[in-house]
Amino acid sequence: MNKKEMINAIACRTGKSKEDIKRILDVFMDTVGDTLADGDRVRLTGFGTFSVSTRAERKGRNPQTGEPITIKKRKVVRFKAGSDLSGKVN
């Protein structure tokens, strides 16, 4: 499901306009991004937790030349599914 399909699905379930749902979804994504950028977690009970962790520097290889390279450390977004969400998948 992509963003447009998500907006359509929520609009159908709630009876709200697609424009309203798009604005709400955009604000949600901006808020999650801003919170993670500040170093905080976003916990949605039952759904899951978004957090930021640091991936350590590591060795790799250039796929074109096979030459060894060093991949710099970087921050990555993590998501751990909550019990309600996991229960829907199992």
C-alpha atoms as a PDB file:
ATOM      1  CA  MET A   1       0.000   0.000   0.000  1.00  0.00           C
ATOM      2  CA  ASN A   2       1.381   3.398  -0.921  1.00  0.00           C
ATOM      3  CA  LYS A   3       0.506   6.794   0.577  1.00  0.00           C
ATOM      4  CA  LYS A   4      -2.296   7.507  -1.909  1.00  0.00           C
ATOM      5  CA  GLU A   5      -3.903   4.120  -1.242  1.00  0.00           C
ATOM      6  CA  MET A   6      -3.588   4.707   2.520  1.00  0.00           C
ATOM      7  CA  ILE A   7      -5.334   8.070   2.194  1.00  0.00           C
ATOM      8  CA  ASN A   8      -8.158   6.488   0.160  1.00  0.00           C
ATOM      9  CA  ALA A   9      -8.586   3.634   2.669  1.00  0.00           C
ATOM     10  CA  ILE A  10      -8.742   5.983   5.670  1.00  0.00           C
ATOM     11  CA  ALA A  11     -11.132   8.347   3.863  1.00  0.00           C
ATOM     12  CA  CYS A  12     -13.473   5.451   3.045  1.00  0.00           C
ATOM     13  CA  ARG A  13     -13.437   4.164   6.632  1.00  0.00           C
ATOM     14  CA  THR A  14     -13.943   7.550   8.271  1.00  0.00           C
ATOM     15  CA  GLY A  15     -16.133   9.389   5.779  1.00  0.00           C
ATOM     16  CA  LYS A  16     -13.689  12.326   5.856  1.00  0.00           C
ATOM     17  CA  SER A  17     -12.385  13.993   2.710  1.00  0.00           C
ATOM     18  CA  LYS A  18      -9.180  12.775   1.085  1.00  0.00           C
ATOM     19  CA  GLU A  19      -7.728  16.293   1.429  1.00  0.00           C
ATOM     20  CA  ASP A  20      -8.298  16.274   5.211  1.00  0.00           C
ATOM     21  CA  ILE A  21      -6.774  12.812   5.555  1.00  0.00           C
ATOM     22  CA  LYS A  22      -3.757  13.819   3.454  1.00  0.00           C
ATOM     23  CA  ARG A  23      -3.146  16.875   5.673  1.00  0.00           C
ATOM     24  CA  ILE A  24      -3.444  14.758   8.832  1.00  0.00           C
ATOM     25  CA  LEU A  25      -1.111  12.067   7.474  1.00  0.00           C
ATOM     26  CA  ASP A  26       1.433  14.705   6.394  1.00  0.00           C
ATOM     27  CA  VAL A  27       1.352  16.316   9.851  1.00  0.00           C
ATOM     28  CA  PHE A  28       1.744  12.877  11.473  1.00  0.00           C
ATOM     29  CA  MET A  29       4.796  12.057   9.335  1.00  0.00           C
ATOM     30  CA  ASP A  30       6.346  15.505   9.948  1.00  0.00           C
ATOM     31  CA  THR A  31       5.780  15.187  13.694  1.00  0.00           C
ATOM     32  CA  VAL A  32       7.338  11.717  13.821  1.00  0.00           C
ATOM     33  CA  GLY A  33      10.315  12.936  11.771  1.00  0.00           C
ATOM     34  CA  ASP A  34      10.833  16.026  13.927  1.00  0.00           C
ATOM     35  CA  THR A  35      10.596  14.003  17.129  1.00  0.00           C
ATOM     36  CA  LEU A  36      13.132  11.447  15.884  1.00  0.00           C
ATOM     37  CA  ALA A  37      15.447  14.249  14.708  1.00  0.00           C
ATOM     38  CA  ASP A  38      15.370  15.625  18.268  1.00  0.00           C
ATOM     39  CA  GLY A  39      16.576  12.229  19.533  1.00  0.00           C
ATOM     40  CA  ASP A  40      13.285  11.142  21.099  1.00  0.00           C
ATOM     41  CA  ARG A  41      11.192   8.017  20.499  1.00  0.00           C
ATOM     42  CA  VAL A  42       7.611   7.856  19.266  1.00  0.00           C
ATOM     43  CA  ARG A  43       5.589   5.181  21.073  1.00  0.00           C
ATOM     44  CA  LEU A  44       2.101   4.331  19.852  1.00  0.00           C
ATOM     45  CA  THR A  45       0.795   1.753  22.302  1.00  0.00           C
ATOM     46  CA  GLY A  46      -0.292  -1.395  20.516  1.00  0.00           C
ATOM     47  CA  PHE A  47       1.009  -0.172  17.146  1.00  0.00           C
ATOM     48  CA  GLY A  48       4.740   0.175  17.699  1.00  0.00           C
ATOM     49  CA  THR A  49       7.747   2.326  18.515  1.00  0.00           C
ATOM     50  CA  PHE A  50       9.833   4.459  16.178  1.00  0.00           C
ATOM     51  CA  SER A  51      13.381   5.185  17.343  1.00  0.00           C
ATOM     52  CA  VAL A  52      16.791   6.225  16.032  1.00  0.00           C
ATOM     53  CA  SER A  53      19.917   4.128  16.438  1.00  0.00           C
ATOM     54  CA  THR A  54      23.457   4.494  15.194  1.00  0.00           C
ATOM     55  CA  ARG A  55      24.814   1.952  12.754  1.00  0.00           C
ATOM     56  CA  ALA A  56      28.541   1.502  13.445  1.00  0.00           C
ATOM     57  CA  GLU A  57      31.261   2.081  10.881  1.00  0.00           C
ATOM     58  CA  ARG A  58      31.944  -1.125   8.948  1.00  0.00           C
ATOM     59  CA  LYS A  59      33.941  -2.577   6.111  1.00  0.00           C
ATOM     60  CA  GLY A  60      32.360  -3.194   2.725  1.00  0.00           C
ATOM     61  CA  ARG A  61      33.282  -3.682  -0.913  1.00  0.00           C
ATOM     62  CA  ASN A  62      32.672  -1.539  -3.945  1.00  0.00           C
ATOM     63  CA  PRO A  63      30.346  -3.741  -6.043  1.00  0.00           C
ATOM     64  CA  GLN A  64      31.840  -2.508  -9.332  1.00  0.00           C
ATOM     65  CA  THR A  65      35.529  -2.903  -8.536  1.00  0.00           C
ATOM     66  CA  GLY A  66      35.575  -5.261  -5.553  1.00  0.00           C
ATOM     67  CA  GLU A  67      37.819  -2.766  -3.768  1.00  0.00           C
ATOM     68  CA  PRO A  68      37.453  -2.688   0.053  1.00  0.00           C
ATOM     69  CA  ILE A  69      35.823   0.474   1.397  1.00  0.00           C
ATOM     70  CA  THR A  70      34.858   1.832   4.795  1.00  0.00           C
ATOM     71  CA  ILE A  71      31.171   2.591   5.258  1.00  0.00           C
ATOM     72  CA  LYS A  72      30.788   5.506   7.683  1.00  0.00           C
ATOM     73  CA  LYS A  73      28.637   5.278  10.788  1.00  0.00           C
ATOM     74  CA  ARG A  74      25.182   6.768  10.424  1.00  0.00           C
ATOM     75  CA  LYS A  75      21.861   7.160  12.143  1.00  0.00           C
ATOM     76  CA  VAL A  76      18.977   4.964  11.013  1.00  0.00           C
ATOM     77  CA  VAL A  77      15.279   4.863  11.876  1.00  0.00           C
ATOM     78  CA  ARG A  78      14.045   1.700  13.555  1.00  0.00           C
ATOM     79  CA  PHE A  79      10.496   0.463  14.018  1.00  0.00           C
ATOM     80  CA  LYS A  80       9.461  -2.223  16.482  1.00  0.00           C
ATOM     81  CA  ALA A  81       5.911  -3.466  16.016  1.00  0.00           C
ATOM     82  CA  GLY A  82       3.597  -3.470  19.015  1.00  0.00           C
ATOM     83  CA  SER A  83       1.520  -6.408  20.208  1.00  0.00           C
ATOM     84  CA  ASP A  84      -1.741  -5.362  18.509  1.00  0.00           C
ATOM     85  CA  LEU A  85      -0.039  -4.887  15.140  1.00  0.00           C
ATOM     86  CA  SER A  86       1.915  -8.135  15.458  1.00  0.00           C
ATOM     87  CA  GLY A  87      -1.263  -9.976  16.376  1.00  0.00           C
ATOM     88  CA  LYS A  88      -2.950  -8.876  13.134  1.00  0.00           C
ATOM     89  CA  VAL A  89      -0.119 -10.346  11.059  1.00  0.00           C
ATOM     90  CA  ASN A  90       0.127 -13.707  12.811  1.00  0.00           C
END
